[in-house]
């Protein structure tokens, strides 16, 4: 029974992500002005507990802006001309596109390409750097981010160019214990 609930829940989450990934740019901009979508995903296959989604929706990362993934503000509390002090930002350069996270500790982890990602992907990811660069910054790729309030956030890139990245973002509500070691 648990396996059936897990499978059905995974299918529902996948369908929701596909619907969001097919929005055109006007609906992406419109979605940024509405209240965030909140739901609870299914129990995890590892035995467990459902992880409560704090916020899920579209984020348009503008060139050289920083965003607070813990924020409930419609614009994710975006700040122009700098990502420092925020959870994530976008730095396109002629040689490569870069998603930048906090620099006080390893706080971003690129994920392998998969049709769907989950809380478990972010909970088990290896956070090794404050940035992710091409080839992982491309349509369909995903990265996990540790927020400054200790939450896991998943960014799945829907579209990108030299001025912005459109991503589907899921932020889970349970703060995680930040245990990283300095080399």
Protein backbone atom coordinates (compact mmCIF):
# COMPACT_ATOMS: atom_id res chain seq x y z
CA UNK A 1 0.00 0.00 0.00
CA UNK A 2 2.83 2.41 0.88
CA UNK A 3 4.53 1.57 -2.42
CA UNK A 4 1.34 2.36 -4.35
CA UNK A 5 0.92 5.72 -2.57
CA UNK A 6 4.57 6.54 -3.27
CA UNK A 7 4.23 5.71 -6.98
CA UNK A 8 1.00 7.69 -7.35
CA UNK A 9 2.47 10.66 -5.49
CA UNK A 10 5.58 10.63 -7.68
CA UNK A 11 3.41 10.66 -10.81
CA UNK A 12 1.38 13.62 -9.52
CA UNK A 13 4.53 15.63 -8.71
CA UNK A 14 5.96 14.81 -12.17
CA UNK A 15 2.77 15.98 -13.88
CA UNK A 16 2.77 19.26 -11.93
CA UNK A 17 6.39 19.91 -12.86
CA UNK A 18 5.66 19.22 -16.55
CA UNK A 19 2.73 21.62 -16.56
CA UNK A 20 4.93 24.35 -15.04
CA UNK A 21 7.78 23.67 -17.42
CA UNK A 22 5.49 24.25 -20.43
CA UNK A 23 4.34 27.72 -19.38
CA UNK A 24 5.15 30.45 -21.86
CA UNK A 25 7.18 33.47 -20.81
CA UNK A 26 4.10 35.61 -20.20
CA UNK A 27 2.61 33.11 -17.79
CA UNK A 28 6.00 32.75 -16.08
CA UNK A 29 6.11 36.50 -15.47
CA UNK A 30 2.47 36.44 -14.34
CA UNK A 31 3.09 33.55 -11.93
CA UNK A 32 5.75 35.59 -10.13
CA UNK A 33 3.07 38.02 -8.97
CA UNK A 34 0.76 35.41 -7.45
CA UNK A 35 0.92 33.75 -4.03
CA UNK A 36 3.27 30.74 -3.93
CA UNK A 37 1.91 27.25 -4.45
CA UNK A 38 2.23 25.07 -1.38
CA UNK A 39 1.64 21.36 -1.06
CA UNK A 40 2.94 18.23 0.56
CA UNK A 41 4.60 15.63 -1.64
CA UNK A 42 4.10 11.91 -1.04
CA UNK A 43 5.92 9.77 1.49
CA UNK A 44 9.49 9.03 0.50
CA UNK A 45 10.42 5.59 -0.82
CA UNK A 46 13.07 5.33 1.90
CA UNK A 47 10.42 4.65 4.47
CA UNK A 48 9.13 7.51 5.27
CA UNK A 49 8.05 10.78 6.16
CA UNK A 50 6.46 13.27 3.83
CA UNK A 51 8.53 16.42 3.49
CA UNK A 52 6.44 19.58 3.56
CA UNK A 53 6.93 21.96 0.68
CA UNK A 54 7.33 25.53 1.92
CA UNK A 55 7.10 27.04 -1.52
CA UNK A 56 7.03 25.87 -5.10
CA UNK A 57 6.83 27.96 -8.24
CA UNK A 58 8.63 29.75 -11.02
CA UNK A 59 11.66 31.92 -10.39
CA UNK A 60 13.15 34.09 -13.09
CA UNK A 61 16.78 34.71 -12.12
CA UNK A 62 17.83 37.93 -13.81
CA UNK A 63 21.43 38.58 -14.77
CA UNK A 64 23.46 39.71 -11.72
CA UNK A 65 20.48 39.61 -9.30
CA UNK A 66 20.38 37.72 -5.99
CA UNK A 67 17.35 35.83 -4.61
CA UNK A 68 16.29 34.64 -1.16
CA UNK A 69 14.88 31.13 -1.54
CA UNK A 70 13.49 31.23 2.03
CA UNK A 71 11.41 34.31 1.15
CA UNK A 72 7.65 34.20 0.70
CA UNK A 73 7.75 37.44 -1.35
CA UNK A 74 6.31 37.05 -4.87
CA UNK A 75 9.66 38.07 -6.39
CA UNK A 76 11.71 35.85 -4.03
CA UNK A 77 13.09 39.08 -2.55
CA UNK A 78 15.26 39.71 -5.61
CA UNK A 79 17.97 42.34 -5.36
CA UNK A 80 19.66 43.86 -8.42
CA UNK A 81 23.39 44.24 -8.94
CA UNK A 82 24.57 41.53 -6.63
CA UNK A 83 23.80 38.12 -5.26
CA UNK A 84 25.91 38.37 -2.11
CA UNK A 85 23.84 37.82 1.00
CA UNK A 86 21.24 35.86 -0.97
CA UNK A 87 20.82 32.14 -1.52
CA UNK A 88 21.26 32.12 -5.29
CA UNK A 89 22.07 34.32 -8.29
CA UNK A 90 22.86 34.15 -12.02
CA UNK A 91 26.16 35.29 -13.54
CA UNK A 92 26.35 34.89 -17.31
CA UNK A 93 29.80 35.54 -18.70
CA UNK A 94 31.12 35.22 -22.25
CA UNK A 95 33.00 32.02 -21.38
CA UNK A 96 30.23 30.33 -19.34
CA UNK A 97 26.93 30.66 -17.53
CA UNK A 98 27.11 30.31 -13.73
CA UNK A 99 24.57 29.85 -10.95
CA UNK A 100 26.08 31.22 -7.75
CA UNK A 101 25.08 30.27 -4.20
CA UNK A 102 26.23 31.43 -0.77
CA UNK A 103 29.98 31.44 -0.30
CA UNK A 104 30.12 30.93 3.48
CA UNK A 105 30.07 27.16 2.91
CA UNK A 106 29.52 24.67 0.09
CA UNK A 107 25.87 25.35 -0.68
CA UNK A 108 25.04 24.15 -4.20
CA UNK A 109 25.12 20.72 -5.81
CA UNK A 110 24.40 19.88 -9.46
CA UNK A 111 22.23 16.79 -9.96
CA UNK A 112 22.35 14.13 -12.64
CA UNK A 113 19.73 14.53 -15.35
CA UNK A 114 16.54 12.71 -14.36
CA UNK A 115 12.85 13.02 -15.23
CA UNK A 116 12.04 14.04 -11.66
CA UNK A 117 13.96 15.03 -8.54
CA UNK A 118 12.95 14.82 -4.88
CA UNK A 119 13.79 15.94 -1.36
CA UNK A 120 15.98 12.84 -1.05
CA UNK A 121 18.10 14.01 -3.99
CA UNK A 122 18.88 17.24 -2.13
CA UNK A 123 19.29 15.51 1.24
CA UNK A 124 21.90 13.11 -0.19
CA UNK A 125 23.61 15.50 -2.64
CA UNK A 126 27.26 16.42 -2.24
CA UNK A 127 27.54 20.17 -1.77
CA UNK A 128 31.07 21.00 -2.90
CA UNK A 129 31.09 24.53 -4.23
CA UNK A 130 29.46 27.94 -4.07
CA UNK A 131 28.74 27.81 -7.82
CA UNK A 132 27.62 25.60 -10.68
CA UNK A 133 28.81 26.25 -14.25
CA UNK A 134 28.14 24.90 -17.71
CA UNK A 135 27.47 22.16 -18.73
CA UNK A 136 25.20 21.83 -15.65
CA UNK A 137 23.65 25.23 -16.33
CA UNK A 138 21.42 24.17 -19.23
CA UNK A 139 17.76 23.46 -19.87
CA UNK A 140 16.55 20.39 -18.01
CA UNK A 141 19.40 20.35 -15.50
CA UNK A 142 18.78 20.70 -11.77
CA UNK A 143 20.75 21.79 -8.74
CA UNK A 144 20.09 21.66 -5.02
CA UNK A 145 20.81 24.72 -2.87
CA UNK A 146 21.20 24.96 0.90
CA UNK A 147 19.53 28.19 1.98
CA UNK A 148 20.89 30.48 4.66
CA UNK A 149 18.01 29.37 6.92
CA UNK A 150 19.00 25.72 6.51
CA UNK A 151 16.43 24.51 3.98
CA UNK A 152 16.88 22.41 0.87
CA UNK A 153 15.82 24.06 -2.39
CA UNK A 154 15.64 22.38 -5.80
CA UNK A 155 16.10 24.48 -8.98
CA UNK A 156 15.16 22.85 -12.29
CA UNK A 157 16.15 24.98 -15.29
CA UNK A 158 13.31 25.46 -17.77
CA UNK A 159 14.84 28.14 -20.03
CA UNK A 160 17.97 30.31 -20.07
CA UNK A 161 19.87 32.88 -22.06
CA UNK A 162 22.40 35.62 -21.33
CA UNK A 163 19.85 37.78 -19.48
CA UNK A 164 17.94 35.31 -17.30
CA UNK A 165 17.19 31.76 -16.21
CA UNK A 166 13.64 30.55 -15.73
CA UNK A 167 13.53 27.74 -13.17
CA UNK A 168 10.96 25.70 -11.31
CA UNK A 169 11.89 25.95 -7.64
CA UNK A 170 10.83 23.75 -4.73
CA UNK A 171 11.83 24.73 -1.19
CA UNK A 172 11.12 22.27 1.61
CA UNK A 173 10.00 23.58 4.98
CA UNK A 174 12.02 21.44 7.37
CA UNK A 175 15.34 23.08 8.07
CA UNK A 176 18.21 20.66 7.66
CA UNK A 177 21.20 20.41 9.91
CA UNK A 178 24.10 21.98 8.08
CA UNK A 179 27.03 19.67 8.61
CA UNK A 180 29.87 20.40 6.28
CA UNK A 181 33.52 19.98 6.93
CA UNK A 182 36.21 22.35 5.82
CA UNK A 183 39.02 20.64 3.91
